[in-house]
N, C-alpha and C. Protein backbone atom coordinates (compact mmCIF):
# COMPACT_ATOMS: atom_id res chain seq x y z
N UNK A 1 76.80 3.85 -5.79
CA UNK A 1 75.51 3.88 -6.42
C UNK A 1 75.49 2.88 -7.56
N UNK A 2 74.50 2.01 -7.51
CA UNK A 2 74.40 0.96 -8.51
C UNK A 2 73.25 1.31 -9.44
N UNK A 3 73.49 1.35 -10.68
CA UNK A 3 72.45 1.62 -11.67
C UNK A 3 71.89 0.31 -12.19
N UNK A 4 70.57 0.25 -12.24
CA UNK A 4 69.93 -0.95 -12.76
C UNK A 4 69.60 -0.72 -14.23
N UNK A 5 69.66 -1.80 -14.96
CA UNK A 5 69.27 -1.72 -16.36
C UNK A 5 67.75 -1.60 -16.43
N UNK A 6 67.27 -0.78 -17.34
CA UNK A 6 65.81 -0.74 -17.50
C UNK A 6 65.29 -2.09 -17.97
N UNK A 7 64.12 -2.45 -17.43
CA UNK A 7 63.54 -3.74 -17.79
C UNK A 7 63.11 -3.71 -19.24
N UNK A 8 63.28 -4.86 -19.86
CA UNK A 8 62.88 -4.99 -21.26
C UNK A 8 61.35 -5.04 -21.31
N UNK A 9 60.75 -4.20 -22.11
CA UNK A 9 59.29 -4.15 -22.22
C UNK A 9 58.81 -5.17 -23.23
N UNK A 10 57.94 -6.02 -22.77
CA UNK A 10 57.27 -6.94 -23.68
C UNK A 10 55.81 -7.05 -23.23
N UNK A 11 55.05 -7.98 -23.81
CA UNK A 11 53.62 -8.09 -23.49
C UNK A 11 53.36 -8.45 -22.03
N UNK A 12 54.30 -9.13 -21.38
CA UNK A 12 54.08 -9.58 -20.00
C UNK A 12 54.21 -8.46 -18.99
N UNK A 13 55.15 -7.56 -19.17
CA UNK A 13 55.33 -6.52 -18.17
C UNK A 13 54.97 -5.12 -18.67
N UNK A 14 54.27 -5.05 -19.77
CA UNK A 14 53.82 -3.76 -20.30
C UNK A 14 52.62 -3.30 -19.49
N UNK A 15 52.63 -2.06 -19.06
CA UNK A 15 51.53 -1.54 -18.23
C UNK A 15 50.37 -1.02 -19.04
N UNK A 16 50.52 -0.91 -20.32
CA UNK A 16 49.44 -0.42 -21.17
C UNK A 16 48.75 -1.61 -21.79
N UNK A 17 47.45 -1.69 -21.62
CA UNK A 17 46.69 -2.81 -22.17
C UNK A 17 46.46 -2.59 -23.65
N UNK A 18 46.42 -3.67 -24.41
CA UNK A 18 46.10 -3.53 -25.83
C UNK A 18 44.69 -2.99 -26.00
N UNK A 19 44.43 -2.35 -27.12
CA UNK A 19 43.14 -1.72 -27.36
C UNK A 19 42.00 -2.71 -27.50
N UNK A 20 42.28 -3.93 -27.94
CA UNK A 20 41.19 -4.86 -28.22
C UNK A 20 40.78 -5.69 -27.01
N UNK A 21 41.44 -5.56 -25.87
CA UNK A 21 41.08 -6.31 -24.67
C UNK A 21 40.65 -5.35 -23.56
N UNK A 22 39.78 -5.88 -22.66
CA UNK A 22 39.35 -5.07 -21.52
C UNK A 22 40.34 -5.21 -20.39
N UNK A 23 40.52 -4.16 -19.65
CA UNK A 23 41.42 -4.19 -18.50
C UNK A 23 40.73 -4.89 -17.34
N UNK A 24 41.47 -5.42 -16.39
CA UNK A 24 40.83 -6.05 -15.21
C UNK A 24 39.95 -5.07 -14.44
N UNK A 25 40.32 -3.79 -14.43
CA UNK A 25 39.50 -2.79 -13.73
C UNK A 25 38.14 -2.65 -14.39
N UNK A 26 38.10 -2.69 -15.72
CA UNK A 26 36.83 -2.59 -16.44
C UNK A 26 35.97 -3.81 -16.18
N UNK A 27 36.61 -5.00 -16.12
CA UNK A 27 35.84 -6.20 -15.82
C UNK A 27 35.23 -6.12 -14.42
N UNK A 28 36.00 -5.65 -13.45
CA UNK A 28 35.48 -5.51 -12.09
C UNK A 28 34.32 -4.53 -12.05
N UNK A 29 34.45 -3.45 -12.81
CA UNK A 29 33.41 -2.44 -12.82
C UNK A 29 32.10 -3.02 -13.35
N UNK A 30 32.16 -3.83 -14.42
CA UNK A 30 30.95 -4.45 -14.97
C UNK A 30 30.31 -5.38 -13.95
N UNK A 31 31.12 -6.18 -13.28
CA UNK A 31 30.59 -7.10 -12.28
C UNK A 31 29.94 -6.34 -11.13
N UNK A 32 30.44 -5.16 -10.82
CA UNK A 32 29.90 -4.35 -9.74
C UNK A 32 28.57 -3.72 -10.14
N UNK A 33 28.43 -3.29 -11.37
CA UNK A 33 27.21 -2.61 -11.82
C UNK A 33 26.05 -3.58 -11.97
N UNK A 34 26.28 -4.74 -12.52
CA UNK A 34 25.18 -5.67 -12.80
C UNK A 34 24.41 -6.09 -11.55
N UNK A 35 25.06 -6.46 -10.43
CA UNK A 35 24.25 -6.79 -9.25
C UNK A 35 23.45 -5.61 -8.73
N UNK A 36 24.00 -4.40 -8.82
CA UNK A 36 23.25 -3.23 -8.37
C UNK A 36 22.04 -3.00 -9.25
N UNK A 37 22.17 -3.19 -10.54
CA UNK A 37 21.05 -3.03 -11.45
C UNK A 37 19.98 -4.07 -11.16
N UNK A 38 20.43 -5.31 -10.91
CA UNK A 38 19.49 -6.37 -10.60
C UNK A 38 18.73 -6.06 -9.31
N UNK A 39 19.43 -5.60 -8.29
CA UNK A 39 18.79 -5.25 -7.03
C UNK A 39 17.82 -4.09 -7.22
N UNK A 40 18.22 -3.10 -8.04
CA UNK A 40 17.35 -1.96 -8.32
C UNK A 40 16.07 -2.44 -9.00
N UNK A 41 16.20 -3.32 -9.98
CA UNK A 41 15.03 -3.81 -10.70
C UNK A 41 14.11 -4.60 -9.78
N UNK A 42 14.68 -5.44 -8.91
CA UNK A 42 13.86 -6.22 -8.00
C UNK A 42 13.14 -5.32 -6.99
N UNK A 43 13.80 -4.24 -6.57
CA UNK A 43 13.21 -3.32 -5.61
C UNK A 43 12.09 -2.50 -6.24
N UNK A 44 12.28 -2.04 -7.45
CA UNK A 44 11.34 -1.10 -8.06
C UNK A 44 10.35 -1.75 -9.02
N UNK A 45 10.59 -2.97 -9.39
CA UNK A 45 9.67 -3.67 -10.29
C UNK A 45 9.43 -5.06 -9.71
N UNK A 46 8.74 -5.15 -8.57
CA UNK A 46 8.55 -6.46 -7.94
C UNK A 46 7.68 -7.36 -8.81
N UNK A 47 7.91 -8.66 -8.67
CA UNK A 47 7.08 -9.61 -9.40
C UNK A 47 5.68 -9.58 -8.79
N UNK A 48 4.69 -9.51 -9.64
CA UNK A 48 3.32 -9.42 -9.16
C UNK A 48 2.70 -10.80 -9.13
N UNK A 49 2.16 -11.20 -8.00
CA UNK A 49 1.38 -12.41 -7.89
C UNK A 49 -0.08 -12.01 -8.01
N UNK A 50 -0.60 -12.03 -9.21
CA UNK A 50 -1.97 -11.60 -9.45
C UNK A 50 -2.75 -12.79 -9.96
N UNK A 51 -3.79 -13.16 -9.24
CA UNK A 51 -4.69 -14.22 -9.66
C UNK A 51 -6.00 -13.54 -10.04
N UNK A 52 -6.27 -13.45 -11.34
CA UNK A 52 -7.37 -12.62 -11.82
C UNK A 52 -8.76 -13.22 -11.61
N UNK A 53 -8.88 -14.53 -11.58
CA UNK A 53 -10.21 -15.14 -11.54
C UNK A 53 -10.72 -15.43 -10.14
N UNK A 54 -9.99 -15.08 -9.12
CA UNK A 54 -10.39 -15.40 -7.75
C UNK A 54 -11.36 -14.33 -7.25
N UNK A 55 -12.51 -14.78 -6.75
CA UNK A 55 -13.54 -13.86 -6.30
C UNK A 55 -13.79 -13.90 -4.79
N UNK A 56 -13.24 -14.90 -4.09
CA UNK A 56 -13.46 -14.94 -2.65
C UNK A 56 -12.13 -14.96 -1.91
N UNK A 57 -12.15 -14.40 -0.72
CA UNK A 57 -10.94 -14.18 0.08
C UNK A 57 -10.28 -15.50 0.49
N UNK A 58 -11.07 -16.50 0.83
CA UNK A 58 -10.52 -17.77 1.29
C UNK A 58 -9.65 -18.41 0.21
N UNK A 59 -10.11 -18.43 -1.01
CA UNK A 59 -9.34 -19.00 -2.12
C UNK A 59 -8.10 -18.17 -2.39
N UNK A 60 -8.22 -16.85 -2.32
CA UNK A 60 -7.07 -15.97 -2.57
C UNK A 60 -5.97 -16.23 -1.53
N UNK A 61 -6.36 -16.35 -0.27
CA UNK A 61 -5.37 -16.61 0.79
C UNK A 61 -4.72 -17.98 0.61
N UNK A 62 -5.50 -18.96 0.17
CA UNK A 62 -4.95 -20.30 -0.05
C UNK A 62 -3.94 -20.28 -1.20
N UNK A 63 -4.24 -19.58 -2.28
CA UNK A 63 -3.32 -19.48 -3.43
C UNK A 63 -2.02 -18.77 -3.04
N UNK A 64 -2.10 -17.83 -2.11
CA UNK A 64 -0.92 -17.07 -1.69
C UNK A 64 -0.28 -17.65 -0.43
N UNK A 65 -0.72 -18.84 -0.01
CA UNK A 65 -0.14 -19.55 1.13
C UNK A 65 -0.19 -18.71 2.42
N UNK A 66 -1.36 -18.16 2.71
CA UNK A 66 -1.55 -17.33 3.90
C UNK A 66 -2.51 -18.00 4.87
N UNK A 67 -2.36 -17.66 6.15
CA UNK A 67 -3.32 -18.12 7.16
C UNK A 67 -4.65 -17.39 6.96
N UNK A 68 -5.71 -17.96 7.48
CA UNK A 68 -7.03 -17.32 7.35
C UNK A 68 -7.13 -16.04 8.17
N UNK A 69 -6.32 -15.91 9.23
CA UNK A 69 -6.36 -14.72 10.08
C UNK A 69 -5.56 -13.55 9.50
N UNK A 70 -4.77 -13.79 8.47
CA UNK A 70 -3.93 -12.74 7.89
C UNK A 70 -4.79 -11.68 7.24
N UNK A 71 -4.50 -10.43 7.53
CA UNK A 71 -5.23 -9.30 6.94
C UNK A 71 -4.62 -8.94 5.59
N UNK A 72 -5.47 -8.58 4.63
CA UNK A 72 -5.05 -8.27 3.27
C UNK A 72 -5.48 -6.85 2.94
N UNK A 73 -4.60 -6.10 2.27
CA UNK A 73 -4.94 -4.74 1.87
C UNK A 73 -4.61 -4.50 0.41
N UNK A 74 -5.33 -3.57 -0.18
CA UNK A 74 -5.05 -3.06 -1.53
C UNK A 74 -4.82 -1.58 -1.37
N UNK A 75 -3.73 -1.10 -1.93
CA UNK A 75 -3.40 0.31 -1.82
C UNK A 75 -2.97 0.80 -3.20
N UNK A 76 -3.74 1.70 -3.78
CA UNK A 76 -3.39 2.22 -5.11
C UNK A 76 -3.29 3.74 -5.05
N UNK A 77 -2.38 4.27 -5.83
CA UNK A 77 -2.20 5.72 -5.88
C UNK A 77 -1.06 6.22 -5.02
N UNK A 78 -0.10 5.35 -4.73
CA UNK A 78 1.03 5.78 -3.92
C UNK A 78 0.90 5.30 -2.49
N UNK A 79 0.96 6.22 -1.53
CA UNK A 79 0.80 5.92 -0.10
C UNK A 79 1.85 4.92 0.40
N UNK A 80 3.11 5.16 0.07
CA UNK A 80 4.19 4.28 0.49
C UNK A 80 4.28 4.10 1.99
N UNK A 81 4.07 5.16 2.74
CA UNK A 81 4.14 5.08 4.20
C UNK A 81 3.05 4.15 4.75
N UNK A 82 1.86 4.24 4.19
CA UNK A 82 0.76 3.39 4.63
C UNK A 82 1.08 1.92 4.36
N UNK A 83 1.59 1.63 3.16
CA UNK A 83 1.95 0.25 2.81
C UNK A 83 3.01 -0.30 3.76
N UNK A 84 4.02 0.50 4.03
CA UNK A 84 5.12 0.08 4.91
C UNK A 84 4.60 -0.21 6.32
N UNK A 85 3.73 0.66 6.81
CA UNK A 85 3.17 0.49 8.15
C UNK A 85 2.30 -0.75 8.25
N UNK A 86 1.46 -0.97 7.25
CA UNK A 86 0.59 -2.15 7.27
C UNK A 86 1.42 -3.44 7.21
N UNK A 87 2.46 -3.45 6.38
CA UNK A 87 3.33 -4.63 6.31
C UNK A 87 4.01 -4.91 7.64
N UNK A 88 4.44 -3.84 8.34
CA UNK A 88 5.05 -4.02 9.67
C UNK A 88 4.08 -4.66 10.65
N UNK A 89 2.79 -4.36 10.48
CA UNK A 89 1.77 -4.91 11.37
C UNK A 89 1.31 -6.30 10.96
N UNK A 90 1.92 -6.85 9.90
CA UNK A 90 1.61 -8.22 9.49
C UNK A 90 0.60 -8.35 8.37
N UNK A 91 0.17 -7.25 7.79
CA UNK A 91 -0.76 -7.29 6.68
C UNK A 91 -0.03 -7.70 5.41
N UNK A 92 -0.77 -8.25 4.44
CA UNK A 92 -0.22 -8.66 3.16
C UNK A 92 -0.92 -7.87 2.07
N UNK A 93 -0.14 -7.42 1.08
CA UNK A 93 -0.71 -6.61 0.00
C UNK A 93 -1.20 -7.46 -1.15
N UNK A 94 -2.41 -7.19 -1.60
CA UNK A 94 -2.95 -7.77 -2.82
C UNK A 94 -2.62 -6.77 -3.92
N UNK A 95 -1.82 -7.17 -4.90
CA UNK A 95 -1.32 -6.25 -5.92
C UNK A 95 -2.37 -5.91 -6.98
N UNK A 96 -3.46 -6.68 -7.04
CA UNK A 96 -4.49 -6.44 -8.05
C UNK A 96 -5.47 -5.38 -7.54
N UNK A 97 -5.45 -4.17 -8.11
CA UNK A 97 -6.32 -3.10 -7.59
C UNK A 97 -7.81 -3.34 -7.83
N UNK A 98 -8.16 -4.28 -8.70
CA UNK A 98 -9.57 -4.53 -9.01
C UNK A 98 -10.10 -5.78 -8.32
N UNK A 99 -9.28 -6.42 -7.51
CA UNK A 99 -9.66 -7.65 -6.83
C UNK A 99 -10.67 -7.37 -5.71
N UNK A 100 -11.64 -8.27 -5.51
CA UNK A 100 -12.56 -8.12 -4.38
C UNK A 100 -12.01 -8.71 -3.09
N UNK A 101 -10.77 -9.20 -3.13
CA UNK A 101 -10.18 -9.89 -1.97
C UNK A 101 -9.32 -8.92 -1.17
N UNK A 102 -9.90 -8.32 -0.15
CA UNK A 102 -9.17 -7.40 0.72
C UNK A 102 -9.95 -7.18 2.01
N UNK A 103 -9.22 -6.78 3.04
CA UNK A 103 -9.84 -6.34 4.29
C UNK A 103 -9.87 -4.81 4.33
N UNK A 104 -8.87 -4.19 3.69
CA UNK A 104 -8.78 -2.73 3.61
C UNK A 104 -8.38 -2.33 2.20
N UNK A 105 -9.10 -1.39 1.63
CA UNK A 105 -8.75 -0.86 0.31
C UNK A 105 -8.59 0.65 0.45
N UNK A 106 -7.40 1.15 0.07
CA UNK A 106 -7.08 2.57 0.19
C UNK A 106 -6.76 3.09 -1.20
N UNK A 107 -7.58 4.01 -1.70
CA UNK A 107 -7.40 4.51 -3.06
C UNK A 107 -7.36 6.03 -3.08
N UNK A 108 -6.90 6.55 -4.18
CA UNK A 108 -6.85 8.00 -4.36
C UNK A 108 -8.23 8.54 -4.72
N UNK A 109 -8.96 7.79 -5.53
CA UNK A 109 -10.27 8.25 -6.00
C UNK A 109 -11.38 7.34 -5.54
N UNK A 110 -12.51 7.91 -5.24
CA UNK A 110 -13.67 7.15 -4.78
C UNK A 110 -14.20 6.23 -5.86
N UNK A 111 -14.04 6.61 -7.11
CA UNK A 111 -14.58 5.79 -8.21
C UNK A 111 -13.85 4.46 -8.36
N UNK A 112 -12.69 4.30 -7.72
CA UNK A 112 -11.94 3.05 -7.78
C UNK A 112 -12.50 1.98 -6.84
N UNK A 113 -13.53 2.33 -6.09
CA UNK A 113 -14.13 1.41 -5.12
C UNK A 113 -15.55 1.10 -5.56
N UNK A 114 -15.88 -0.19 -5.63
CA UNK A 114 -17.24 -0.62 -5.94
C UNK A 114 -17.98 -0.77 -4.61
N UNK A 115 -18.66 0.28 -4.20
CA UNK A 115 -19.31 0.30 -2.88
C UNK A 115 -20.45 -0.72 -2.79
N UNK A 116 -21.07 -1.08 -3.91
CA UNK A 116 -22.17 -2.04 -3.89
C UNK A 116 -21.70 -3.47 -3.64
N UNK A 117 -20.43 -3.76 -3.93
CA UNK A 117 -19.92 -5.12 -3.79
C UNK A 117 -19.18 -5.35 -2.47
N UNK A 118 -19.14 -4.36 -1.60
CA UNK A 118 -18.41 -4.50 -0.33
C UNK A 118 -19.16 -5.39 0.65
N UNK A 119 -18.40 -6.19 1.40
CA UNK A 119 -19.01 -6.96 2.48
C UNK A 119 -18.90 -6.14 3.77
N UNK A 120 -19.55 -6.61 4.82
CA UNK A 120 -19.55 -5.86 6.09
C UNK A 120 -18.18 -5.80 6.74
N UNK A 121 -17.31 -6.76 6.43
CA UNK A 121 -15.99 -6.80 7.06
C UNK A 121 -14.94 -5.98 6.31
N UNK A 122 -15.25 -5.47 5.14
CA UNK A 122 -14.28 -4.72 4.34
C UNK A 122 -14.32 -3.23 4.65
N UNK A 123 -13.13 -2.63 4.75
CA UNK A 123 -13.00 -1.20 5.02
C UNK A 123 -12.43 -0.49 3.81
N UNK A 124 -12.91 0.72 3.55
CA UNK A 124 -12.41 1.56 2.46
C UNK A 124 -12.23 2.98 2.97
N UNK A 125 -11.48 3.80 2.25
CA UNK A 125 -11.20 5.15 2.71
C UNK A 125 -12.08 6.22 2.07
N UNK A 126 -13.16 5.82 1.42
CA UNK A 126 -14.09 6.79 0.81
C UNK A 126 -15.52 6.39 1.14
N UNK A 127 -16.37 7.39 1.35
CA UNK A 127 -17.79 7.15 1.52
C UNK A 127 -18.47 7.25 0.16
N UNK A 128 -19.50 6.44 -0.06
CA UNK A 128 -20.20 6.55 -1.35
C UNK A 128 -21.02 7.82 -1.45
N UNK A 129 -21.00 8.42 -2.60
CA UNK A 129 -21.82 9.61 -2.93
C UNK A 129 -21.67 10.73 -1.91
N UNK A 130 -20.44 10.97 -1.47
CA UNK A 130 -20.22 12.00 -0.46
C UNK A 130 -19.36 13.15 -0.99
N UNK A 131 -19.21 13.24 -2.31
CA UNK A 131 -18.36 14.28 -2.88
C UNK A 131 -18.86 15.68 -2.56
N UNK A 132 -20.14 15.81 -2.26
CA UNK A 132 -20.70 17.14 -1.97
C UNK A 132 -20.11 17.75 -0.71
N UNK A 133 -19.62 16.92 0.20
CA UNK A 133 -19.02 17.48 1.42
C UNK A 133 -17.56 17.05 1.62
N UNK A 134 -17.10 16.03 0.88
CA UNK A 134 -15.74 15.54 1.09
C UNK A 134 -14.73 16.05 0.08
N UNK A 135 -15.17 16.83 -0.90
CA UNK A 135 -14.23 17.47 -1.82
C UNK A 135 -14.27 18.97 -1.58
N UNK A 136 -13.19 19.64 -1.91
CA UNK A 136 -13.14 21.10 -1.68
C UNK A 136 -14.20 21.83 -2.48
N UNK A 137 -14.37 21.42 -3.74
CA UNK A 137 -15.36 22.09 -4.59
C UNK A 137 -16.78 21.80 -4.10
N UNK A 138 -17.05 20.54 -3.73
CA UNK A 138 -18.38 20.19 -3.23
C UNK A 138 -18.71 20.94 -1.95
N UNK A 139 -17.76 21.02 -1.05
CA UNK A 139 -17.97 21.75 0.20
C UNK A 139 -18.20 23.24 -0.07
N UNK A 140 -17.44 23.82 -0.99
CA UNK A 140 -17.59 25.23 -1.31
C UNK A 140 -18.99 25.53 -1.85
N UNK A 141 -19.47 24.69 -2.78
CA UNK A 141 -20.80 24.93 -3.35
C UNK A 141 -21.89 24.81 -2.28
N UNK A 142 -21.78 23.84 -1.40
CA UNK A 142 -22.78 23.70 -0.35
C UNK A 142 -22.75 24.85 0.64
N UNK A 143 -21.56 25.32 0.99
CA UNK A 143 -21.48 26.45 1.91
C UNK A 143 -22.00 27.74 1.27
N UNK A 144 -21.74 27.91 -0.02
CA UNK A 144 -22.25 29.11 -0.70
C UNK A 144 -23.77 29.11 -0.78
N UNK A 145 -24.38 27.92 -0.77
CA UNK A 145 -25.84 27.83 -0.80
C UNK A 145 -26.48 28.07 0.57
N UNK A 146 -25.67 28.18 1.62
CA UNK A 146 -26.21 28.44 2.96
C UNK A 146 -26.99 29.75 3.02
N UNK A 147 -26.58 30.71 2.24
CA UNK A 147 -27.24 32.01 2.28
C UNK A 147 -28.72 31.92 1.92
N UNK A 148 -29.09 30.92 1.12
CA UNK A 148 -30.49 30.75 0.69
C UNK A 148 -31.32 30.04 1.75
N UNK A 149 -30.68 29.28 2.63
CA UNK A 149 -31.42 28.50 3.61
C UNK A 149 -31.44 29.14 5.00
N UNK A 150 -30.31 29.71 5.43
CA UNK A 150 -30.23 30.24 6.78
C UNK A 150 -29.72 31.67 6.83
N UNK A 151 -29.60 32.30 5.71
CA UNK A 151 -29.12 33.68 5.63
C UNK A 151 -27.75 33.83 6.33
N UNK A 152 -26.86 32.89 6.02
CA UNK A 152 -25.51 32.91 6.60
C UNK A 152 -24.52 33.20 5.48
N UNK A 153 -23.67 34.17 5.70
CA UNK A 153 -22.64 34.52 4.73
C UNK A 153 -21.36 33.73 5.07
N UNK A 154 -20.91 32.88 4.16
CA UNK A 154 -19.74 32.04 4.47
C UNK A 154 -18.45 32.85 4.54
N UNK A 155 -18.44 34.05 3.97
CA UNK A 155 -17.23 34.88 4.02
C UNK A 155 -16.85 35.24 5.47
N UNK A 156 -17.80 35.11 6.39
CA UNK A 156 -17.52 35.45 7.79
C UNK A 156 -16.79 34.35 8.55
N UNK A 157 -16.84 33.10 8.04
CA UNK A 157 -16.19 32.01 8.78
C UNK A 157 -15.37 31.05 7.91
N UNK A 158 -15.42 31.20 6.60
CA UNK A 158 -14.72 30.28 5.69
C UNK A 158 -13.85 31.08 4.73
N UNK A 159 -12.63 30.63 4.45
CA UNK A 159 -11.75 31.40 3.54
C UNK A 159 -12.36 31.53 2.15
N UNK A 160 -12.04 32.61 1.48
CA UNK A 160 -12.54 32.86 0.13
C UNK A 160 -12.04 31.75 -0.79
N UNK A 161 -12.94 31.23 -1.64
CA UNK A 161 -12.59 30.14 -2.55
C UNK A 161 -13.37 30.28 -3.85
N UNK A 162 -12.87 29.62 -4.90
CA UNK A 162 -13.47 29.73 -6.22
C UNK A 162 -13.49 28.36 -6.87
N UNK A 163 -14.48 28.14 -7.73
CA UNK A 163 -14.53 26.94 -8.55
C UNK A 163 -14.02 27.32 -9.94
N UNK A 164 -12.82 26.93 -10.26
CA UNK A 164 -12.20 27.30 -11.54
C UNK A 164 -12.69 26.46 -12.70
N UNK A 165 -13.45 25.42 -12.42
CA UNK A 165 -13.94 24.56 -13.50
C UNK A 165 -15.19 25.13 -14.19
N UNK A 166 -15.76 26.19 -13.60
CA UNK A 166 -16.98 26.79 -14.21
C UNK A 166 -16.63 27.75 -15.31
């Protein structure tokens, strides 16, 4: 059995790093985190190409380097699945929710759409002045008024409901 002498410890073969320097593992960790943060920021905070003064679709498409046949949509209020589906079909998103340049505008609230400024080729997901039948409260009030016009009790065909805002 041969015994080896213990190695002399100095700065070159010491396994403990000095307190004032970073270890190679810490340097690798920083390099690993920064690209992930950058990717996260690019994914969740995309750069917006918003041209505020453009009022017609032809100019907007030219500024964004699009063909004239390309369909444009505005989607506000979430609806991630709708955005993803439209992009798969070749549509391009206009990030400015107040822009008049779109073929389809999908919003959460009807008041976000200027129905008077729509052209015949533009589609939206709300009808103007239709809250009386397209909202739960509007529908409830109209159905409750049926008793005065046709002597129909809505309790026989519609679930019980209340307007809590009164």
